[in-house]
Amino acid sequence: MTFINGIRAGLSIAIGYFPIALTFGLLAKTTGLSMWEATAMSMFVFAGAAQYISLTLISTGVDPILIVLNTFVVNIRHFLMTASLNEKMQPDARWKKAIYAFGVTDETFSVLATQKQNNIRTTYAAGVIVISYGSWVVFTALGHVIGANLPMFLQASMSIALYAMFVGLLVPSMKGNRKVALLALFGALIHSVLYFSGLLSTGWSILVATLGSAILVELLYAKKGRVV
């Protein structure tokens, strides 16, 4: 399992990132980010959902600290993903593990975690991550450049694509999954109450709604398990 093998395995991820990263670059342009700012976000954050959420928060003028906290909450699952992946990787220096841990996303994790053999070589993981990371950054910059050349009325209308993307991600995952549906329902209710009542700003209400809905659903399922 060489670096080149990893590149080949990650090529499908790179192709899949093309429309998502391109759209992110386009939306970053309409939000007011420069090409360097949008590209830097993809370089240093490298987390699609968190970056899209950040655009919404940036556009509404949310405090940067809240954006960081929301990003942390959204990506907290990466602790579990990297811990699980560590069991399949070959022993290596911690600094090497830290480098490829940064490149672990839902997609790269899926490719690496589904390998049949254990002791996956670091070079293979590096190949998967390099091609995925490179495509995300490059396509973000490309999307911003394309967006800069679009007429202003089209740039303004691109903001709708952000909400359409979230709906497109949410609805399929809710089908046949009551837990996800409850998370979405409780999250929406908590956010609506906190935001429209004026108790919390947009950033804090999203953060509290995310944590609150997760806790409520887990308590509900835990109680249901005890009753059964």
C-alpha atoms as a PDB file:
ATOM      1  CA  MET A   1       0.000   0.000   0.000  1.00  0.00           C
ATOM      2  CA  THR A   2       2.113   2.835  -1.326  1.00  0.00           C
ATOM      3  CA  PHE A   3       1.583   6.580  -1.624  1.00  0.00           C
ATOM      4  CA  ILE A   4       0.503   6.127  -5.257  1.00  0.00           C
ATOM      5  CA  ASN A   5      -2.059   3.519  -4.193  1.00  0.00           C
ATOM      6  CA  GLY A   6      -3.424   6.059  -1.740  1.00  0.00           C
ATOM      7  CA  ILE A   7      -3.658   8.679  -4.479  1.00  0.00           C
ATOM      8  CA  ARG A   8      -5.654   6.249  -6.616  1.00  0.00           C
ATOM      9  CA  ALA A   9      -7.962   5.358  -3.735  1.00  0.00           C
ATOM     10  CA  GLY A  10      -8.578   9.031  -2.961  1.00  0.00           C
ATOM     11  CA  LEU A  11      -9.258  10.034  -6.558  1.00  0.00           C
ATOM     12  CA  SER A  12     -12.978   9.310  -6.203  1.00  0.00           C
ATOM     13  CA  ILE A  13     -13.074  11.633  -3.186  1.00  0.00           C
ATOM     14  CA  ALA A  14     -11.345  14.365  -5.182  1.00  0.00           C
ATOM     15  CA  ILE A  15     -13.950  14.041  -7.938  1.00  0.00           C
ATOM     16  CA  GLY A  16     -16.770  14.136  -5.389  1.00  0.00           C
ATOM     17  CA  TYR A  17     -15.324  17.255  -3.771  1.00  0.00           C
ATOM     18  CA  PHE A  18     -15.398  19.129  -7.084  1.00  0.00           C
ATOM     19  CA  PRO A  19     -19.011  20.414  -6.999  1.00  0.00           C
ATOM     20  CA  ILE A  20     -19.058  20.933  -3.213  1.00  0.00           C
ATOM     21  CA  ALA A  21     -15.802  22.892  -3.006  1.00  0.00           C
ATOM     22  CA  LEU A  22     -16.662  24.819  -6.171  1.00  0.00           C
ATOM     23  CA  THR A  23     -19.989  25.867  -4.661  1.00  0.00           C
ATOM     24  CA  PHE A  24     -18.270  26.811  -1.412  1.00  0.00           C
ATOM     25  CA  GLY A  25     -15.907  29.093  -3.327  1.00  0.00           C
ATOM     26  CA  LEU A  26     -18.848  30.680  -5.138  1.00  0.00           C
ATOM     27  CA  LEU A  27     -20.760  31.259  -1.901  1.00  0.00           C
ATOM     28  CA  ALA A  28     -17.665  32.567  -0.129  1.00  0.00           C
ATOM     29  CA  LYS A  29     -17.416  35.208  -2.856  1.00  0.00           C
ATOM     30  CA  THR A  30     -21.050  36.261  -2.386  1.00  0.00           C
ATOM     31  CA  THR A  31     -20.536  36.368   1.400  1.00  0.00           C
ATOM     32  CA  GLY A  32     -17.766  38.907   0.931  1.00  0.00           C
ATOM     33  CA  LEU A  33     -14.668  36.781   1.483  1.00  0.00           C
ATOM     34  CA  SER A  34     -11.667  37.416  -0.738  1.00  0.00           C
ATOM     35  CA  MET A  35     -10.165  34.547  -2.716  1.00  0.00           C
ATOM     36  CA  TRP A  36      -7.288  34.319  -0.246  1.00  0.00           C
ATOM     37  CA  GLU A  37      -9.653  34.242   2.738  1.00  0.00           C
ATOM     38  CA  ALA A  38     -11.862  31.557   1.181  1.00  0.00           C
ATOM     39  CA  THR A  39      -8.855  29.473   0.146  1.00  0.00           C
ATOM     40  CA  ALA A  40      -7.234  29.911   3.566  1.00  0.00           C
ATOM     41  CA  MET A  41     -10.410  28.635   5.222  1.00  0.00           C
ATOM     42  CA  SER A  42     -10.275  25.492   3.109  1.00  0.00           C
ATOM     43  CA  MET A  43      -6.553  25.115   3.821  1.00  0.00           C
ATOM     44  CA  PHE A  44      -6.757  25.483   7.593  1.00  0.00           C
ATOM     45  CA  VAL A  45     -10.261  24.187   8.394  1.00  0.00           C
ATOM     46  CA  PHE A  46     -10.784  21.508   5.719  1.00  0.00           C
ATOM     47  CA  ALA A  47     -14.272  20.613   6.918  1.00  0.00           C
ATOM     48  CA  GLY A  48     -17.115  21.099   4.469  1.00  0.00           C
ATOM     49  CA  ALA A  49     -20.111  21.312   6.805  1.00  0.00           C
ATOM     50  CA  ALA A  50     -18.293  23.584   9.265  1.00  0.00           C
ATOM     51  CA  GLN A  51     -17.149  25.879   6.469  1.00  0.00           C
ATOM     52  CA  TYR A  52     -20.650  26.200   5.041  1.00  0.00           C
ATOM     53  CA  ILE A  53     -22.075  26.950   8.488  1.00  0.00           C
ATOM     54  CA  SER A  54     -19.311  29.507   9.042  1.00  0.00           C
ATOM     55  CA  LEU A  55     -20.357  31.352   5.874  1.00  0.00           C
ATOM     56  CA  THR A  56     -23.868  31.738   7.268  1.00  0.00           C
ATOM     57  CA  LEU A  57     -22.542  33.016  10.592  1.00  0.00           C
ATOM     58  CA  ILE A  58     -20.067  35.375   8.914  1.00  0.00           C
ATOM     59  CA  SER A  59     -22.807  36.839   6.721  1.00  0.00           C
ATOM     60  CA  THR A  60     -24.900  37.643   9.822  1.00  0.00           C
ATOM     61  CA  GLY A  61     -21.973  39.221  11.667  1.00  0.00           C
ATOM     62  CA  VAL A  62     -21.635  36.597  14.405  1.00  0.00           C
ATOM     63  CA  ASP A  63     -18.733  36.927  16.848  1.00  0.00           C
ATOM     64  CA  PRO A  64     -15.659  34.941  15.644  1.00  0.00           C
ATOM     65  CA  ILE A  65     -15.470  33.095  18.976  1.00  0.00           C
ATOM     66  CA  LEU A  66     -18.948  31.679  18.392  1.00  0.00           C
ATOM     67  CA  ILE A  67     -17.954  30.579  14.893  1.00  0.00           C
ATOM     68  CA  VAL A  68     -15.003  28.686  16.381  1.00  0.00           C
ATOM     69  CA  LEU A  69     -17.226  27.077  19.030  1.00  0.00           C
ATOM     70  CA  ASN A  70     -19.805  26.030  16.443  1.00  0.00           C
ATOM     71  CA  THR A  71     -17.050  24.548  14.290  1.00  0.00           C
ATOM     72  CA  PHE A  72     -15.801  22.583  17.300  1.00  0.00           C
ATOM     73  CA  VAL A  73     -19.262  21.193  18.059  1.00  0.00           C
ATOM     74  CA  VAL A  74     -19.934  20.240  14.429  1.00  0.00           C
ATOM     75  CA  ASN A  75     -16.567  18.485  14.115  1.00  0.00           C
ATOM     76  CA  ILE A  76     -16.439  16.847  17.542  1.00  0.00           C
ATOM     77  CA  ARG A  77     -17.163  13.502  15.873  1.00  0.00           C
ATOM     78  CA  HIS A  78     -13.618  13.597  14.498  1.00  0.00           C
ATOM     79  CA  PHE A  79     -12.326  12.613  17.948  1.00  0.00           C
ATOM     80  CA  LEU A  80     -14.121   9.286  17.612  1.00  0.00           C
ATOM     81  CA  MET A  81     -13.166   8.863  13.963  1.00  0.00           C
ATOM     82  CA  THR A  82      -9.446   9.383  14.545  1.00  0.00           C
ATOM     83  CA  ALA A  83      -9.468   7.193  17.672  1.00  0.00           C
ATOM     84  CA  SER A  84     -11.079   4.389  15.677  1.00  0.00           C
ATOM     85  CA  LEU A  85      -8.727   4.869  12.740  1.00  0.00           C
ATOM     86  CA  ASN A  86      -5.699   4.774  15.021  1.00  0.00           C
ATOM     87  CA  GLU A  87      -6.431   1.106  15.698  1.00  0.00           C
ATOM     88  CA  LYS A  88      -5.997   0.255  12.001  1.00  0.00           C
ATOM     89  CA  MET A  89      -2.917   2.359  11.281  1.00  0.00           C
ATOM     90  CA  GLN A  90       0.664   1.108  11.566  1.00  0.00           C
ATOM     91  CA  PRO A  91       2.619   2.373  14.614  1.00  0.00           C
ATOM     92  CA  ASP A  92       4.377   5.608  13.720  1.00  0.00           C
ATOM     93  CA  ALA A  93       5.752   8.826  15.167  1.00  0.00           C
ATOM     94  CA  ARG A  94       3.193  11.085  16.822  1.00  0.00           C
ATOM     95  CA  TRP A  95       4.033  14.041  14.600  1.00  0.00           C
ATOM     96  CA  LYS A  96       3.192  11.953  11.533  1.00  0.00           C
ATOM     97  CA  LYS A  97      -0.094  10.874  13.081  1.00  0.00           C
ATOM     98  CA  ALA A  98      -0.892  14.505  13.882  1.00  0.00           C
ATOM     99  CA  ILE A  99      -0.367  15.472  10.237  1.00  0.00           C
ATOM    100  CA  TYR A 100      -2.628  12.849   8.719  1.00  0.00           C
ATOM    101  CA  ALA A 101      -5.178  13.251  11.531  1.00  0.00           C
ATOM    102  CA  PHE A 102      -5.748  16.783  10.250  1.00  0.00           C
ATOM    103  CA  GLY A 103      -6.742  15.310   6.895  1.00  0.00           C
ATOM    104  CA  VAL A 104      -9.357  12.933   8.304  1.00  0.00           C
ATOM    105  CA  THR A 105     -12.809  13.807   6.978  1.00  0.00           C
ATOM    106  CA  ASP A 106     -15.939  11.683   6.647  1.00  0.00           C
ATOM    107  CA  GLU A 107     -14.802  10.649   3.167  1.00  0.00           C
ATOM    108  CA  THR A 108     -11.125   9.919   3.868  1.00  0.00           C
ATOM    109  CA  PHE A 109     -12.113   8.079   7.040  1.00  0.00           C
ATOM    110  CA  SER A 110     -14.504   5.883   5.033  1.00  0.00           C
ATOM    111  CA  VAL A 111     -11.775   4.951   2.533  1.00  0.00           C
ATOM    112  CA  LEU A 112      -9.194   4.161   5.212  1.00  0.00           C
ATOM    113  CA  ALA A 113     -11.491   2.501   7.763  1.00  0.00           C
ATOM    114  CA  THR A 114     -12.986   0.101   5.209  1.00  0.00           C
ATOM    115  CA  GLN A 115      -9.619  -1.372   4.271  1.00  0.00           C
ATOM    116  CA  LYS A 116      -9.687  -5.098   5.060  1.00  0.00           C
ATOM    117  CA  GLN A 117      -6.163  -5.288   6.435  1.00  0.00           C
ATOM    118  CA  ASN A 118      -4.917  -3.672   9.621  1.00  0.00           C
ATOM    119  CA  ASN A 119      -1.602  -1.815   9.957  1.00  0.00           C
ATOM    120  CA  ILE A 120      -2.382   0.554   7.103  1.00  0.00           C
ATOM    121  CA  ARG A 121       0.816   2.289   6.065  1.00  0.00           C
ATOM    122  CA  THR A 122       1.207   5.980   6.751  1.00  0.00           C
ATOM    123  CA  THR A 123       2.259   6.586   3.151  1.00  0.00           C
ATOM    124  CA  TYR A 124      -1.033   5.133   1.905  1.00  0.00           C
ATOM    125  CA  ALA A 125      -3.047   7.380   4.241  1.00  0.00           C
ATOM    126  CA  ALA A 126      -0.942  10.331   3.098  1.00  0.00           C
ATOM    127  CA  GLY A 127      -1.820   9.600  -0.531  1.00  0.00           C
ATOM    128  CA  VAL A 128      -5.554   9.473   0.192  1.00  0.00           C
ATOM    129  CA  ILE A 129      -5.417  12.709   2.179  1.00  0.00           C
ATOM    130  CA  VAL A 130      -3.112  14.665  -0.161  1.00  0.00           C
ATOM    131  CA  ILE A 131      -5.332  14.170  -3.223  1.00  0.00           C
ATOM    132  CA  SER A 132      -8.502  14.906  -1.214  1.00  0.00           C
ATOM    133  CA  TYR A 133      -7.078  17.958   0.538  1.00  0.00           C
ATOM    134  CA  GLY A 134      -5.501  19.320  -2.632  1.00  0.00           C
ATOM    135  CA  SER A 135      -8.723  19.046  -4.610  1.00  0.00           C
ATOM    136  CA  TRP A 136     -10.747  20.757  -1.869  1.00  0.00           C
ATOM    137  CA  VAL A 137      -8.384  23.733  -1.720  1.00  0.00           C
ATOM    138  CA  VAL A 138      -7.915  24.082  -5.491  1.00  0.00           C
ATOM    139  CA  PHE A 139     -11.628  23.791  -6.294  1.00  0.00           C
ATOM    140  CA  THR A 140     -12.450  26.360  -3.592  1.00  0.00           C
ATOM    141  CA  ALA A 141     -10.144  28.881  -5.249  1.00  0.00           C
ATOM    142  CA  LEU A 142     -11.554  27.978  -8.667  1.00  0.00           C
ATOM    143  CA  GLY A 143     -15.114  28.487  -7.432  1.00  0.00           C
ATOM    144  CA  HIS A 144     -14.232  31.922  -6.093  1.00  0.00           C
ATOM    145  CA  VAL A 145     -12.658  32.933  -9.408  1.00  0.00           C
ATOM    146  CA  ILE A 146     -15.733  31.763 -11.315  1.00  0.00           C
ATOM    147  CA  GLY A 147     -17.972  33.592  -8.856  1.00  0.00           C
ATOM    148  CA  ALA A 148     -16.037  36.824  -9.335  1.00  0.00           C
ATOM    149  CA  ASN A 149     -16.882  36.731 -13.031  1.00  0.00           C
ATOM    150  CA  LEU A 150     -20.606  36.111 -12.574  1.00  0.00           C
ATOM    151  CA  PRO A 151     -23.122  38.970 -12.899  1.00  0.00           C
ATOM    152  CA  MET A 152     -24.072  40.536  -9.560  1.00  0.00           C
ATOM    153  CA  PHE A 153     -27.670  39.271  -9.663  1.00  0.00           C
ATOM    154  CA  LEU A 154     -26.385  35.687 -10.024  1.00  0.00           C
ATOM    155  CA  GLN A 155     -23.877  36.174  -7.193  1.00  0.00           C
ATOM    156  CA  ALA A 156     -26.690  37.381  -4.944  1.00  0.00           C
ATOM    157  CA  SER A 157     -28.933  34.433  -5.855  1.00  0.00           C
ATOM    158  CA  MET A 158     -26.166  31.938  -4.993  1.00  0.00           C
ATOM    159  CA  SER A 159     -26.889  32.449  -1.287  1.00  0.00           C
ATOM    160  CA  ILE A 160     -30.032  30.328  -1.773  1.00  0.00           C
ATOM    161  CA  ALA A 161     -27.806  27.388  -2.729  1.00  0.00           C
ATOM    162  CA  LEU A 162     -26.438  27.289   0.818  1.00  0.00           C
ATOM    163  CA  TYR A 163     -29.852  26.551   2.328  1.00  0.00           C
ATOM    164  CA  ALA A 164     -30.713  24.179  -0.514  1.00  0.00           C
ATOM    165  CA  MET A 165     -27.545  22.196   0.225  1.00  0.00           C
ATOM    166  CA  PHE A 166     -28.436  21.815   3.914  1.00  0.00           C
ATOM    167  CA  VAL A 167     -31.958  20.689   3.026  1.00  0.00           C
ATOM    168  CA  GLY A 168     -30.512  18.255   0.497  1.00  0.00           C
ATOM    169  CA  LEU A 169     -28.237  16.781   3.158  1.00  0.00           C
ATOM    170  CA  LEU A 170     -30.884  16.645   5.876  1.00  0.00           C
ATOM    171  CA  VAL A 171     -33.920  15.190   4.106  1.00  0.00           C
ATOM    172  CA  PRO A 172     -32.297  11.964   2.779  1.00  0.00           C
ATOM    173  CA  SER A 173     -30.694  11.263   6.170  1.00  0.00           C
ATOM    174  CA  MET A 174     -34.080  11.634   7.890  1.00  0.00           C
ATOM    175  CA  LYS A 175     -35.721   8.937   5.779  1.00  0.00           C
ATOM    176  CA  GLY A 176     -36.075   5.800   7.861  1.00  0.00           C
ATOM    177  CA  ASN A 177     -34.072   7.310  10.717  1.00  0.00           C
ATOM    178  CA  ARG A 178     -36.269   8.561  13.547  1.00  0.00           C
ATOM    179  CA  LYS A 179     -33.292   9.697  15.587  1.00  0.00           C
ATOM    180  CA  VAL A 180     -32.069  12.100  12.911  1.00  0.00           C
ATOM    181  CA  ALA A 181     -35.625  13.419  12.445  1.00  0.00           C
ATOM    182  CA  LEU A 182     -35.909  14.093  16.190  1.00  0.00           C
ATOM    183  CA  LEU A 183     -32.522  15.815  16.238  1.00  0.00           C
ATOM    184  CA  ALA A 184     -33.616  18.107  13.412  1.00  0.00           C
ATOM    185  CA  LEU A 185     -37.003  18.782  15.031  1.00  0.00           C
ATOM    186  CA  PHE A 186     -35.648  19.547  18.520  1.00  0.00           C
ATOM    187  CA  GLY A 187     -32.791  21.595  17.093  1.00  0.00           C
ATOM    188  CA  ALA A 188     -35.183  23.696  15.001  1.00  0.00           C
ATOM    189  CA  LEU A 189     -37.583  24.226  17.918  1.00  0.00           C
ATOM    190  CA  ILE A 190     -34.873  25.213  20.402  1.00  0.00           C
ATOM    191  CA  HIS A 191     -33.207  27.562  17.927  1.00  0.00           C
ATOM    192  CA  SER A 192     -36.525  29.185  16.978  1.00  0.00           C
ATOM    193  CA  VAL A 193     -37.516  29.779  20.603  1.00  0.00           C
ATOM    194  CA  LEU A 194     -34.125  31.208  21.595  1.00  0.00           C
ATOM    195  CA  TYR A 195     -33.673  33.333  18.480  1.00  0.00           C
ATOM    196  CA  PHE A 196     -37.172  34.776  17.937  1.00  0.00           C
ATOM    197  CA  SER A 197     -37.643  35.442  21.646  1.00  0.00           C
ATOM    198  CA  GLY A 198     -34.455  37.494  21.592  1.00  0.00           C
ATOM    199  CA  LEU A 199     -32.856  35.463  24.382  1.00  0.00           C
ATOM    200  CA  LEU A 200     -29.750  34.630  22.334  1.00  0.00           C
ATOM    201  CA  SER A 201     -28.052  35.843  19.179  1.00  0.00           C
ATOM    202  CA  THR A 202     -27.857  33.690  16.037  1.00  0.00           C
ATOM    203  CA  GLY A 203     -24.511  32.111  16.882  1.00  0.00           C
ATOM    204  CA  TRP A 204     -25.335  31.241  20.492  1.00  0.00           C
ATOM    205  CA  SER A 205     -28.816  29.952  19.642  1.00  0.00           C
ATOM    206  CA  ILE A 206     -27.379  27.599  16.989  1.00  0.00           C
ATOM    207  CA  LEU A 207     -24.742  26.363  19.431  1.00  0.00           C
ATOM    208  CA  VAL A 208     -27.230  25.794  22.259  1.00  0.00           C
ATOM    209  CA  ALA A 209     -29.762  24.201  19.891  1.00  0.00           C
ATOM    210  CA  THR A 210     -27.151  21.784  18.533  1.00  0.00           C
ATOM    211  CA  LEU A 211     -26.004  20.644  21.971  1.00  0.00           C
ATOM    212  CA  GLY A 212     -29.493  20.742  23.475  1.00  0.00           C
ATOM    213  CA  SER A 213     -31.118  18.615  20.771  1.00  0.00           C
ATOM    214  CA  ALA A 214     -28.313  16.039  20.964  1.00  0.00           C
ATOM    215  CA  ILE A 215     -28.668  15.766  24.751  1.00  0.00           C
ATOM    216  CA  LEU A 216     -32.474  15.568  24.634  1.00  0.00           C
ATOM    217  CA  VAL A 217     -32.514  12.839  21.997  1.00  0.00           C
ATOM    218  CA  GLU A 218     -29.882  10.779  23.832  1.00  0.00           C
ATOM    219  CA  LEU A 219     -31.801  11.109  27.111  1.00  0.00           C
ATOM    220  CA  LEU A 220     -34.996  10.111  25.317  1.00  0.00           C
ATOM    221  CA  TYR A 221     -33.400   6.997  23.797  1.00  0.00           C
ATOM    222  CA  ALA A 222     -31.687   6.113  27.087  1.00  0.00           C
ATOM    223  CA  LYS A 223     -35.016   6.321  28.927  1.00  0.00           C
ATOM    224  CA  LYS A 224     -36.707   4.281  26.196  1.00  0.00           C
ATOM    225  CA  GLY A 225     -34.004   1.623  26.538  1.00  0.00           C
ATOM    226  CA  ARG A 226     -34.540   1.372  30.306  1.00  0.00           C
ATOM    227  CA  VAL A 227     -38.298   1.013  29.848  1.00  0.00           C
ATOM    228  CA  VAL A 228     -37.822  -1.785  27.277  1.00  0.00           C
END
